[in-house]
N, C-alpha and C. Protein backbone atom coordinates (compact mmCIF):
# COMPACT_ATOMS: atom_id res chain seq x y z
N MET A 1 -11.44 4.35 16.98
CA MET A 1 -10.37 3.80 16.17
C MET A 1 -9.11 3.59 17.02
N HIS A 2 -8.82 4.56 17.90
CA HIS A 2 -7.62 4.47 18.74
C HIS A 2 -7.70 3.26 19.68
N SER A 3 -8.88 3.03 20.26
CA SER A 3 -9.05 1.90 21.18
C SER A 3 -8.86 0.57 20.45
N LEU A 4 -9.40 0.48 19.24
CA LEU A 4 -9.26 -0.75 18.45
C LEU A 4 -7.81 -1.00 18.09
N SER A 5 -7.10 0.05 17.68
CA SER A 5 -5.69 -0.13 17.32
C SER A 5 -4.86 -0.54 18.53
N LYS A 6 -5.21 -0.03 19.69
CA LYS A 6 -4.50 -0.39 20.92
C LYS A 6 -4.79 -1.85 21.28
N LEU A 7 -6.05 -2.27 21.12
CA LEU A 7 -6.45 -3.63 21.46
C LEU A 7 -5.77 -4.66 20.56
N ILE A 8 -5.78 -4.40 19.26
CA ILE A 8 -5.20 -5.34 18.30
C ILE A 8 -3.68 -5.21 18.23
N GLY A 9 -3.17 -4.02 18.47
CA GLY A 9 -1.72 -3.82 18.46
C GLY A 9 -1.17 -3.40 17.11
N TYR A 10 -1.84 -2.47 16.44
CA TYR A 10 -1.31 -1.96 15.19
C TYR A 10 -1.25 -0.44 15.26
N HIS A 11 -0.48 0.14 14.35
CA HIS A 11 -0.33 1.59 14.30
C HIS A 11 -1.08 2.11 13.08
N HIS A 12 -2.14 2.88 13.29
CA HIS A 12 -2.97 3.38 12.20
C HIS A 12 -2.35 4.65 11.62
N ILE A 13 -2.15 4.65 10.30
CA ILE A 13 -1.61 5.83 9.63
C ILE A 13 -2.55 6.23 8.50
N PHE A 14 -2.46 7.48 8.08
CA PHE A 14 -3.30 7.99 7.01
C PHE A 14 -2.45 8.24 5.77
N CYS A 15 -3.07 8.13 4.61
CA CYS A 15 -2.38 8.38 3.34
C CYS A 15 -2.65 9.81 2.90
N THR A 16 -1.73 10.34 2.12
CA THR A 16 -1.91 11.66 1.55
C THR A 16 -2.96 11.59 0.46
N PRO A 17 -3.92 12.51 0.42
CA PRO A 17 -4.93 12.48 -0.64
C PRO A 17 -4.30 12.61 -2.03
N TYR A 18 -4.86 11.91 -3.00
CA TYR A 18 -4.40 11.92 -4.39
C TYR A 18 -2.94 11.48 -4.51
N ARG A 19 -2.50 10.61 -3.61
CA ARG A 19 -1.11 10.14 -3.63
C ARG A 19 -1.12 8.62 -3.43
N PRO A 20 -1.49 7.84 -4.48
CA PRO A 20 -1.59 6.40 -4.31
C PRO A 20 -0.26 5.74 -3.94
N GLN A 21 0.86 6.40 -4.26
CA GLN A 21 2.17 5.84 -3.93
C GLN A 21 2.35 5.68 -2.43
N SER A 22 1.63 6.47 -1.64
CA SER A 22 1.80 6.40 -0.19
C SER A 22 1.14 5.15 0.40
N ASN A 23 0.36 4.44 -0.39
CA ASN A 23 -0.27 3.20 0.06
C ASN A 23 -0.02 2.12 -0.98
N GLY A 24 1.25 1.93 -1.30
CA GLY A 24 1.65 1.08 -2.42
C GLY A 24 1.21 -0.36 -2.33
N ALA A 25 1.27 -0.96 -1.14
CA ALA A 25 0.92 -2.38 -1.01
C ALA A 25 -0.55 -2.61 -1.37
N VAL A 26 -1.42 -1.75 -0.90
CA VAL A 26 -2.85 -1.88 -1.20
C VAL A 26 -3.10 -1.62 -2.68
N GLU A 27 -2.46 -0.60 -3.23
CA GLU A 27 -2.64 -0.29 -4.65
C GLU A 27 -2.16 -1.45 -5.53
N ARG A 28 -1.04 -2.07 -5.15
CA ARG A 28 -0.51 -3.20 -5.91
C ARG A 28 -1.48 -4.38 -5.86
N PHE A 29 -2.00 -4.66 -4.66
CA PHE A 29 -2.96 -5.76 -4.53
C PHE A 29 -4.20 -5.48 -5.38
N ASN A 30 -4.71 -4.25 -5.31
CA ASN A 30 -5.91 -3.91 -6.09
C ASN A 30 -5.65 -4.06 -7.58
N GLY A 31 -4.45 -3.67 -8.03
CA GLY A 31 -4.12 -3.83 -9.44
C GLY A 31 -4.14 -5.30 -9.86
N THR A 32 -3.53 -6.15 -9.06
CA THR A 32 -3.51 -7.59 -9.34
C THR A 32 -4.92 -8.16 -9.28
N PHE A 33 -5.66 -7.75 -8.28
CA PHE A 33 -7.01 -8.25 -8.05
C PHE A 33 -7.94 -7.90 -9.21
N VAL A 34 -7.89 -6.66 -9.67
CA VAL A 34 -8.78 -6.21 -10.75
C VAL A 34 -8.47 -6.95 -12.05
N ILE A 35 -7.19 -7.19 -12.33
CA ILE A 35 -6.81 -7.92 -13.55
C ILE A 35 -7.39 -9.34 -13.51
N GLN A 36 -7.24 -10.02 -12.38
CA GLN A 36 -7.78 -11.38 -12.25
C GLN A 36 -9.30 -11.39 -12.36
N LEU A 37 -9.94 -10.42 -11.76
CA LEU A 37 -11.39 -10.32 -11.81
C LEU A 37 -11.87 -10.08 -13.24
N ALA A 38 -11.14 -9.24 -13.97
CA ALA A 38 -11.51 -8.95 -15.36
C ALA A 38 -11.37 -10.20 -16.24
N LYS A 39 -10.38 -11.04 -15.97
CA LYS A 39 -10.20 -12.27 -16.75
C LYS A 39 -11.39 -13.22 -16.58
N LEU A 40 -11.88 -13.32 -15.35
CA LEU A 40 -12.96 -14.27 -15.07
C LEU A 40 -14.34 -13.75 -15.45
N THR A 41 -14.51 -12.45 -15.46
CA THR A 41 -15.81 -11.88 -15.80
C THR A 41 -15.76 -11.29 -17.20
N ASP A 42 -15.32 -12.09 -18.15
CA ASP A 42 -15.12 -11.60 -19.52
C ASP A 42 -16.41 -11.08 -20.14
N ASN A 43 -17.44 -11.90 -20.17
CA ASN A 43 -18.69 -11.50 -20.82
C ASN A 43 -19.73 -11.01 -19.82
N GLU A 44 -19.79 -11.62 -18.67
CA GLU A 44 -20.77 -11.28 -17.65
C GLU A 44 -20.13 -10.40 -16.58
N THR A 45 -20.42 -9.11 -16.60
CA THR A 45 -19.83 -8.23 -15.60
C THR A 45 -20.71 -8.07 -14.37
N ASN A 46 -21.90 -8.67 -14.40
CA ASN A 46 -22.82 -8.54 -13.26
C ASN A 46 -22.54 -9.55 -12.16
N ASN A 47 -21.81 -10.62 -12.46
CA ASN A 47 -21.60 -11.67 -11.46
C ASN A 47 -20.17 -11.69 -10.93
N TRP A 48 -19.50 -10.57 -10.92
CA TRP A 48 -18.11 -10.50 -10.48
C TRP A 48 -17.92 -10.94 -9.04
N ASP A 49 -18.95 -10.75 -8.20
CA ASP A 49 -18.81 -11.10 -6.78
C ASP A 49 -18.71 -12.60 -6.55
N GLU A 50 -19.14 -13.41 -7.53
CA GLU A 50 -19.02 -14.86 -7.40
C GLU A 50 -17.56 -15.32 -7.44
N TYR A 51 -16.69 -14.51 -7.99
CA TYR A 51 -15.30 -14.89 -8.17
C TYR A 51 -14.38 -14.35 -7.07
N LEU A 52 -14.92 -13.62 -6.12
CA LEU A 52 -14.07 -13.00 -5.10
C LEU A 52 -13.29 -14.03 -4.29
N TYR A 53 -13.98 -15.03 -3.74
CA TYR A 53 -13.31 -16.02 -2.89
C TYR A 53 -12.23 -16.80 -3.64
N PRO A 54 -12.50 -17.31 -4.84
CA PRO A 54 -11.44 -18.03 -5.55
C PRO A 54 -10.23 -17.15 -5.87
N ILE A 55 -10.47 -15.89 -6.22
CA ILE A 55 -9.35 -15.00 -6.55
C ILE A 55 -8.52 -14.70 -5.31
N VAL A 56 -9.17 -14.41 -4.20
CA VAL A 56 -8.44 -14.13 -2.96
C VAL A 56 -7.67 -15.37 -2.51
N PHE A 57 -8.28 -16.55 -2.64
CA PHE A 57 -7.59 -17.79 -2.26
C PHE A 57 -6.37 -18.01 -3.15
N ALA A 58 -6.53 -17.80 -4.45
CA ALA A 58 -5.39 -17.96 -5.37
C ALA A 58 -4.27 -16.98 -5.04
N TYR A 59 -4.63 -15.76 -4.73
CA TYR A 59 -3.62 -14.75 -4.37
C TYR A 59 -2.91 -15.14 -3.07
N ASN A 60 -3.68 -15.56 -2.07
CA ASN A 60 -3.11 -15.88 -0.76
C ASN A 60 -2.25 -17.14 -0.77
N THR A 61 -2.50 -18.06 -1.69
CA THR A 61 -1.71 -19.29 -1.72
C THR A 61 -0.57 -19.22 -2.73
N GLY A 62 -0.53 -18.18 -3.54
CA GLY A 62 0.57 -18.01 -4.49
C GLY A 62 1.80 -17.42 -3.81
N VAL A 63 2.97 -17.76 -4.32
CA VAL A 63 4.21 -17.24 -3.75
C VAL A 63 4.38 -15.79 -4.18
N HIS A 64 4.61 -14.91 -3.22
CA HIS A 64 4.77 -13.48 -3.48
C HIS A 64 6.16 -13.23 -4.06
N SER A 65 6.24 -12.41 -5.08
CA SER A 65 7.52 -12.20 -5.77
C SER A 65 8.57 -11.53 -4.88
N THR A 66 8.16 -10.69 -3.96
CA THR A 66 9.12 -10.01 -3.08
C THR A 66 9.55 -10.90 -1.93
N THR A 67 8.60 -11.53 -1.27
CA THR A 67 8.90 -12.29 -0.04
C THR A 67 9.32 -13.73 -0.31
N ASN A 68 9.00 -14.26 -1.47
CA ASN A 68 9.22 -15.67 -1.82
C ASN A 68 8.46 -16.62 -0.90
N ILE A 69 7.44 -16.12 -0.24
CA ILE A 69 6.58 -16.91 0.64
C ILE A 69 5.14 -16.50 0.35
N SER A 70 4.21 -17.44 0.45
CA SER A 70 2.81 -17.09 0.21
C SER A 70 2.24 -16.35 1.41
N PRO A 71 1.28 -15.44 1.19
CA PRO A 71 0.62 -14.77 2.31
C PRO A 71 -0.04 -15.76 3.28
N TYR A 72 -0.54 -16.87 2.76
CA TYR A 72 -1.15 -17.90 3.62
C TYR A 72 -0.12 -18.44 4.61
N ALA A 73 1.08 -18.75 4.12
CA ALA A 73 2.13 -19.28 4.99
C ALA A 73 2.56 -18.25 6.02
N LEU A 74 2.58 -16.98 5.64
CA LEU A 74 2.94 -15.93 6.59
C LEU A 74 1.91 -15.78 7.70
N THR A 75 0.66 -16.07 7.39
CA THR A 75 -0.40 -15.94 8.37
C THR A 75 -0.52 -17.18 9.26
N PHE A 76 -0.45 -18.37 8.64
CA PHE A 76 -0.73 -19.60 9.38
C PHE A 76 0.50 -20.44 9.71
N GLY A 77 1.66 -20.07 9.20
CA GLY A 77 2.89 -20.81 9.52
C GLY A 77 3.04 -22.13 8.80
N ARG A 78 2.24 -22.37 7.79
CA ARG A 78 2.33 -23.61 7.00
C ARG A 78 1.72 -23.33 5.62
N GLN A 79 1.99 -24.21 4.68
CA GLN A 79 1.42 -24.06 3.35
C GLN A 79 -0.04 -24.53 3.37
N ALA A 80 -0.84 -23.97 2.48
CA ALA A 80 -2.26 -24.33 2.40
C ALA A 80 -2.43 -25.71 1.77
N ASN A 81 -3.48 -26.39 2.16
CA ASN A 81 -3.85 -27.66 1.51
C ASN A 81 -4.70 -27.32 0.29
N LEU A 82 -4.16 -27.59 -0.88
CA LEU A 82 -4.86 -27.27 -2.13
C LEU A 82 -5.65 -28.48 -2.61
N PRO A 83 -6.70 -28.26 -3.40
CA PRO A 83 -7.47 -29.38 -3.94
C PRO A 83 -6.63 -30.30 -4.83
N THR A 84 -5.56 -29.77 -5.41
CA THR A 84 -4.71 -30.58 -6.29
C THR A 84 -3.66 -31.39 -5.53
N ASP A 85 -3.48 -31.13 -4.24
CA ASP A 85 -2.50 -31.87 -3.44
C ASP A 85 -2.98 -33.30 -3.24
N PRO A 86 -2.04 -34.27 -3.22
CA PRO A 86 -2.45 -35.66 -2.96
C PRO A 86 -2.95 -35.79 -1.52
N PRO A 87 -3.90 -36.68 -1.29
CA PRO A 87 -4.42 -36.84 0.08
C PRO A 87 -3.34 -37.40 1.00
N VAL A 88 -3.44 -37.03 2.26
CA VAL A 88 -2.50 -37.52 3.26
C VAL A 88 -2.85 -38.97 3.56
N THR A 89 -1.87 -39.88 3.38
CA THR A 89 -2.15 -41.30 3.60
C THR A 89 -1.94 -41.71 5.05
N THR A 90 -0.95 -41.13 5.69
CA THR A 90 -0.73 -41.45 7.10
C THR A 90 -0.95 -40.20 7.92
N LEU A 91 -1.66 -40.37 8.98
CA LEU A 91 -1.98 -39.24 9.84
C LEU A 91 -1.28 -39.44 11.17
N THR A 92 -0.32 -38.59 11.46
CA THR A 92 0.36 -38.66 12.75
C THR A 92 0.02 -37.40 13.52
N LEU A 93 -0.44 -37.58 14.71
CA LEU A 93 -0.79 -36.44 15.55
C LEU A 93 0.32 -36.22 16.58
N PRO A 94 1.15 -35.21 16.38
CA PRO A 94 2.19 -34.93 17.37
C PRO A 94 1.56 -34.35 18.63
N ASP A 95 2.36 -34.25 19.62
CA ASP A 95 1.91 -33.62 20.87
C ASP A 95 1.46 -32.19 20.54
N PRO A 96 0.27 -31.77 20.97
CA PRO A 96 -0.22 -30.42 20.64
C PRO A 96 0.75 -29.32 21.07
N HIS A 97 1.44 -29.52 22.17
CA HIS A 97 2.39 -28.50 22.63
C HIS A 97 3.57 -28.40 21.67
N ASP A 98 4.05 -29.55 21.16
CA ASP A 98 5.15 -29.54 20.19
C ASP A 98 4.72 -28.84 18.90
N TYR A 99 3.50 -29.15 18.47
CA TYR A 99 2.98 -28.52 17.25
C TYR A 99 2.92 -27.00 17.41
N PHE A 100 2.41 -26.57 18.56
CA PHE A 100 2.29 -25.13 18.80
C PHE A 100 3.66 -24.46 18.85
N ARG A 101 4.63 -25.09 19.53
CA ARG A 101 5.98 -24.52 19.59
C ARG A 101 6.59 -24.41 18.20
N GLN A 102 6.42 -25.46 17.40
CA GLN A 102 6.97 -25.45 16.04
C GLN A 102 6.28 -24.38 15.19
N LEU A 103 4.98 -24.22 15.37
CA LEU A 103 4.23 -23.20 14.64
C LEU A 103 4.74 -21.81 14.99
N VAL A 104 4.96 -21.55 16.27
CA VAL A 104 5.48 -20.24 16.70
C VAL A 104 6.86 -20.00 16.11
N LEU A 105 7.72 -21.03 16.12
CA LEU A 105 9.06 -20.89 15.54
C LEU A 105 8.99 -20.60 14.04
N ASN A 106 8.10 -21.33 13.34
CA ASN A 106 7.93 -21.09 11.90
C ASN A 106 7.50 -19.66 11.62
N LEU A 107 6.50 -19.20 12.37
CA LEU A 107 6.00 -17.84 12.16
C LEU A 107 7.06 -16.80 12.45
N LYS A 108 7.83 -16.98 13.53
CA LYS A 108 8.91 -16.03 13.84
C LYS A 108 9.93 -15.99 12.72
N TYR A 109 10.31 -17.18 12.24
CA TYR A 109 11.29 -17.25 11.15
C TYR A 109 10.76 -16.58 9.89
N TYR A 110 9.52 -16.91 9.50
CA TYR A 110 8.92 -16.30 8.31
C TYR A 110 8.88 -14.78 8.44
N HIS A 111 8.39 -14.29 9.56
CA HIS A 111 8.22 -12.84 9.74
C HIS A 111 9.56 -12.12 9.73
N GLN A 112 10.57 -12.67 10.40
CA GLN A 112 11.89 -12.04 10.43
C GLN A 112 12.52 -12.03 9.04
N THR A 113 12.44 -13.16 8.34
CA THR A 113 13.01 -13.26 7.00
C THR A 113 12.33 -12.29 6.05
N VAL A 114 11.01 -12.27 6.08
CA VAL A 114 10.25 -11.40 5.19
C VAL A 114 10.52 -9.93 5.50
N LYS A 115 10.63 -9.59 6.76
CA LYS A 115 10.92 -8.20 7.14
C LYS A 115 12.25 -7.75 6.55
N GLU A 116 13.27 -8.60 6.65
CA GLU A 116 14.59 -8.26 6.09
C GLU A 116 14.53 -8.12 4.57
N ILE A 117 13.84 -9.05 3.91
CA ILE A 117 13.73 -9.01 2.45
C ILE A 117 13.00 -7.74 2.01
N ILE A 118 11.91 -7.41 2.69
CA ILE A 118 11.12 -6.22 2.31
C ILE A 118 11.93 -4.96 2.52
N LEU A 119 12.67 -4.86 3.63
CA LEU A 119 13.49 -3.66 3.87
C LEU A 119 14.55 -3.49 2.79
N LYS A 120 15.20 -4.59 2.38
CA LYS A 120 16.19 -4.51 1.30
C LYS A 120 15.54 -4.06 0.00
N GLN A 121 14.37 -4.64 -0.30
CA GLN A 121 13.66 -4.29 -1.54
C GLN A 121 13.22 -2.83 -1.52
N GLN A 122 12.76 -2.35 -0.37
CA GLN A 122 12.35 -0.95 -0.26
C GLN A 122 13.52 -0.01 -0.49
N GLN A 123 14.69 -0.36 0.03
CA GLN A 123 15.87 0.48 -0.17
C GLN A 123 16.28 0.52 -1.64
N LYS A 124 16.20 -0.63 -2.33
CA LYS A 124 16.52 -0.66 -3.76
C LYS A 124 15.54 0.20 -4.55
N THR A 125 14.26 0.06 -4.23
CA THR A 125 13.23 0.84 -4.93
C THR A 125 13.40 2.32 -4.67
N LYS A 126 13.68 2.69 -3.43
CA LYS A 126 13.91 4.09 -3.07
C LYS A 126 15.11 4.66 -3.83
N GLY A 127 16.17 3.87 -3.92
CA GLY A 127 17.36 4.32 -4.65
C GLY A 127 17.05 4.60 -6.11
N ARG A 128 16.28 3.71 -6.75
CA ARG A 128 15.90 3.93 -8.16
C ARG A 128 15.01 5.16 -8.30
N TYR A 129 14.07 5.33 -7.38
CA TYR A 129 13.13 6.46 -7.45
C TYR A 129 13.86 7.78 -7.22
N ASP A 130 14.75 7.82 -6.24
CA ASP A 130 15.42 9.06 -5.87
C ASP A 130 16.55 9.46 -6.81
N TYR A 131 16.97 8.57 -7.70
CA TYR A 131 18.13 8.82 -8.54
C TYR A 131 18.00 10.11 -9.36
N HIS A 132 16.84 10.33 -9.98
CA HIS A 132 16.63 11.52 -10.82
C HIS A 132 15.66 12.51 -10.20
N ARG A 133 15.29 12.33 -8.96
CA ARG A 133 14.25 13.16 -8.36
C ARG A 133 14.85 14.27 -7.52
N LYS A 134 14.37 15.47 -7.75
CA LYS A 134 14.74 16.59 -6.89
C LYS A 134 13.91 16.50 -5.62
N ASN A 135 14.44 17.01 -4.54
CA ASN A 135 13.73 16.94 -3.26
C ASN A 135 13.68 18.33 -2.64
N PRO A 136 12.86 19.23 -3.22
CA PRO A 136 12.83 20.60 -2.68
C PRO A 136 12.16 20.64 -1.32
N GLU A 137 12.61 21.56 -0.49
CA GLU A 137 11.97 21.80 0.80
C GLU A 137 11.52 23.25 0.83
N TYR A 138 10.33 23.49 1.36
CA TYR A 138 9.77 24.84 1.40
C TYR A 138 9.61 25.29 2.84
N ASP A 139 9.78 26.58 3.05
CA ASP A 139 9.64 27.16 4.39
C ASP A 139 8.20 27.56 4.65
N LEU A 140 7.86 27.72 5.92
CA LEU A 140 6.53 28.22 6.28
C LEU A 140 6.35 29.61 5.68
N GLY A 141 5.15 29.88 5.19
CA GLY A 141 4.85 31.18 4.62
C GLY A 141 5.18 31.30 3.14
N THR A 142 5.78 30.25 2.55
CA THR A 142 6.11 30.28 1.12
C THR A 142 4.82 30.24 0.31
N THR A 143 4.74 31.07 -0.73
CA THR A 143 3.58 31.09 -1.61
C THR A 143 3.81 30.06 -2.71
N VAL A 144 2.83 29.17 -2.89
CA VAL A 144 2.98 28.07 -3.84
C VAL A 144 1.70 27.88 -4.65
N LEU A 145 1.83 27.09 -5.71
CA LEU A 145 0.69 26.62 -6.49
C LEU A 145 0.61 25.11 -6.30
N THR A 146 -0.60 24.56 -6.31
CA THR A 146 -0.77 23.11 -6.12
C THR A 146 -1.36 22.47 -7.37
N ARG A 147 -1.03 21.20 -7.56
CA ARG A 147 -1.49 20.45 -8.73
C ARG A 147 -3.02 20.32 -8.70
N VAL A 148 -3.65 20.44 -9.88
CA VAL A 148 -5.10 20.28 -10.03
C VAL A 148 -5.36 18.83 -10.42
N PHE A 149 -6.23 18.15 -9.66
CA PHE A 149 -6.51 16.74 -9.93
C PHE A 149 -7.88 16.51 -10.56
N THR A 150 -8.83 17.40 -10.34
CA THR A 150 -10.20 17.13 -10.78
C THR A 150 -10.60 18.04 -11.93
N ASN A 151 -11.46 17.52 -12.79
CA ASN A 151 -12.08 18.28 -13.89
C ASN A 151 -11.06 19.08 -14.69
N ARG A 152 -10.03 18.39 -15.16
CA ARG A 152 -8.99 19.07 -15.92
C ARG A 152 -8.88 18.40 -17.29
N SER A 153 -8.96 19.22 -18.35
CA SER A 153 -8.73 18.67 -19.68
C SER A 153 -7.24 18.80 -20.00
N LYS A 154 -6.82 18.28 -21.13
CA LYS A 154 -5.40 18.28 -21.49
C LYS A 154 -4.82 19.68 -21.62
N LEU A 155 -5.65 20.63 -22.01
CA LEU A 155 -5.14 21.98 -22.25
C LEU A 155 -5.26 22.90 -21.03
N ASP A 156 -5.93 22.45 -20.00
CA ASP A 156 -6.05 23.26 -18.79
C ASP A 156 -4.72 23.27 -18.03
N PRO A 157 -4.51 24.30 -17.22
CA PRO A 157 -3.26 24.34 -16.45
C PRO A 157 -3.17 23.16 -15.48
N ARG A 158 -1.96 22.66 -15.30
CA ARG A 158 -1.73 21.53 -14.40
C ARG A 158 -1.74 21.95 -12.94
N PHE A 159 -1.46 23.22 -12.68
CA PHE A 159 -1.42 23.73 -11.31
C PHE A 159 -2.45 24.83 -11.15
N SER A 160 -2.95 24.96 -9.92
CA SER A 160 -4.00 25.94 -9.63
C SER A 160 -3.50 27.35 -9.92
N ILE A 161 -4.42 28.21 -10.29
CA ILE A 161 -4.05 29.61 -10.50
C ILE A 161 -4.21 30.41 -9.22
N ASP A 162 -4.83 29.81 -8.21
CA ASP A 162 -5.01 30.47 -6.92
C ASP A 162 -3.80 30.18 -6.03
N PRO A 163 -3.09 31.20 -5.58
CA PRO A 163 -1.92 30.96 -4.74
C PRO A 163 -2.32 30.46 -3.35
N LYS A 164 -1.44 29.65 -2.79
CA LYS A 164 -1.65 29.12 -1.45
C LYS A 164 -0.40 29.37 -0.63
N ILE A 165 -0.57 29.39 0.69
CA ILE A 165 0.55 29.64 1.59
C ILE A 165 0.78 28.38 2.42
N ILE A 166 2.04 28.00 2.59
CA ILE A 166 2.37 26.85 3.42
C ILE A 166 2.23 27.24 4.88
N VAL A 167 1.36 26.50 5.61
CA VAL A 167 1.13 26.81 7.02
C VAL A 167 1.71 25.74 7.96
N GLU A 168 1.98 24.53 7.43
CA GLU A 168 2.61 23.48 8.22
C GLU A 168 3.59 22.74 7.34
N ASN A 169 4.72 22.34 7.94
CA ASN A 169 5.76 21.65 7.19
C ASN A 169 6.10 20.35 7.89
N HIS A 170 5.67 19.24 7.28
CA HIS A 170 6.06 17.90 7.73
C HIS A 170 6.61 17.19 6.51
N HIS A 171 7.73 17.70 6.01
CA HIS A 171 8.31 17.23 4.75
C HIS A 171 8.28 15.72 4.67
N PRO A 172 7.74 15.12 3.60
CA PRO A 172 7.36 15.67 2.32
C PRO A 172 5.89 16.09 2.21
N ILE A 173 5.15 16.08 3.32
CA ILE A 173 3.74 16.50 3.31
C ILE A 173 3.65 17.92 3.86
N TYR A 174 2.99 18.79 3.10
CA TYR A 174 2.82 20.18 3.51
C TYR A 174 1.34 20.48 3.66
N THR A 175 1.01 21.32 4.63
CA THR A 175 -0.36 21.80 4.77
C THR A 175 -0.39 23.21 4.19
N VAL A 176 -1.28 23.41 3.21
CA VAL A 176 -1.37 24.71 2.54
C VAL A 176 -2.74 25.32 2.78
N GLU A 177 -2.77 26.64 2.77
CA GLU A 177 -4.03 27.38 2.97
C GLU A 177 -4.24 28.29 1.78
N ASP A 178 -5.44 28.20 1.18
CA ASP A 178 -5.78 29.08 0.06
C ASP A 178 -5.85 30.51 0.56
N MET A 179 -5.22 31.43 -0.17
CA MET A 179 -5.14 32.82 0.29
C MET A 179 -6.51 33.50 0.28
N ASP A 180 -7.39 33.10 -0.65
CA ASP A 180 -8.70 33.74 -0.76
C ASP A 180 -9.75 33.06 0.13
N THR A 181 -9.89 31.75 -0.02
CA THR A 181 -10.97 31.03 0.67
C THR A 181 -10.58 30.55 2.06
N LYS A 182 -9.30 30.57 2.39
CA LYS A 182 -8.76 30.09 3.68
C LYS A 182 -8.97 28.59 3.86
N ARG A 183 -9.24 27.89 2.75
CA ARG A 183 -9.41 26.43 2.80
C ARG A 183 -8.04 25.77 2.96
N ILE A 184 -7.99 24.76 3.83
CA ILE A 184 -6.72 24.09 4.14
C ILE A 184 -6.71 22.70 3.51
N ALA A 185 -5.53 22.30 2.99
CA ALA A 185 -5.38 20.97 2.38
C ALA A 185 -3.97 20.45 2.63
N LYS A 186 -3.85 19.12 2.68
CA LYS A 186 -2.54 18.48 2.79
C LYS A 186 -2.09 18.10 1.39
N VAL A 187 -0.83 18.41 1.06
CA VAL A 187 -0.32 18.20 -0.29
C VAL A 187 1.08 17.61 -0.22
N HIS A 188 1.38 16.67 -1.11
CA HIS A 188 2.72 16.09 -1.19
C HIS A 188 3.63 17.08 -1.92
N VAL A 189 4.92 17.05 -1.58
CA VAL A 189 5.88 18.00 -2.14
C VAL A 189 5.95 17.92 -3.67
N SER A 190 5.70 16.74 -4.25
CA SER A 190 5.76 16.61 -5.71
C SER A 190 4.58 17.30 -6.39
N ASP A 191 3.56 17.68 -5.63
CA ASP A 191 2.39 18.36 -6.19
C ASP A 191 2.39 19.85 -5.89
N ILE A 192 3.56 20.39 -5.55
CA ILE A 192 3.70 21.81 -5.21
C ILE A 192 4.73 22.44 -6.15
N ARG A 193 4.44 23.67 -6.58
CA ARG A 193 5.42 24.47 -7.33
C ARG A 193 5.48 25.84 -6.68
N PRO A 194 6.69 26.37 -6.47
CA PRO A 194 6.79 27.70 -5.85
C PRO A 194 6.28 28.77 -6.80
N LEU A 195 5.63 29.77 -6.25
CA LEU A 195 5.13 30.89 -7.04
C LEU A 195 6.21 31.96 -7.02
N LEU A 196 6.81 32.19 -8.17
CA LEU A 196 7.88 33.18 -8.26
C LEU A 196 7.28 34.52 -8.63
N LEU A 197 7.38 35.48 -7.74
CA LEU A 197 6.80 36.81 -7.97
C LEU A 197 7.85 37.78 -8.45
């Protein structure tokens, strides 16, 4: 994985388990994607794979609400040719070098503009989220309880009854160790409650 990331030039990061907010862009796309898929596969749920390409194409050519640019334009530096577009009547072939230079300029402009817009939007969203949120920090060795995510009914406790100890602190992600089983897990600060003895 490290060699591939170095070759392509991206930084691979991991998400916190049971924390979909840490991978918001993918979760948002999946939410949009599933809704569109459900609309097209109203009666026949066995043929959903037939609609994948049209849905992805529609998503990629639609203008994104945050960036005001379609994902297709961000990738290719131009708008997609849609079946509903009128045919091109005159075909002019510019110098390939001029076309390439203009394409590079378009992509740089799109990427810089979108980066600025996304950073502003992230700051606004963070401000709204943090307005009423407490941000506790825990020290190493603190005894805590962690949120239960699996096999829980409405009346079961929301947090584990087995105490855990914080062994690593990378706020807001903590590594906790179960006092009995010595099992280690990574937990977000919002899924931790201090155990008051």
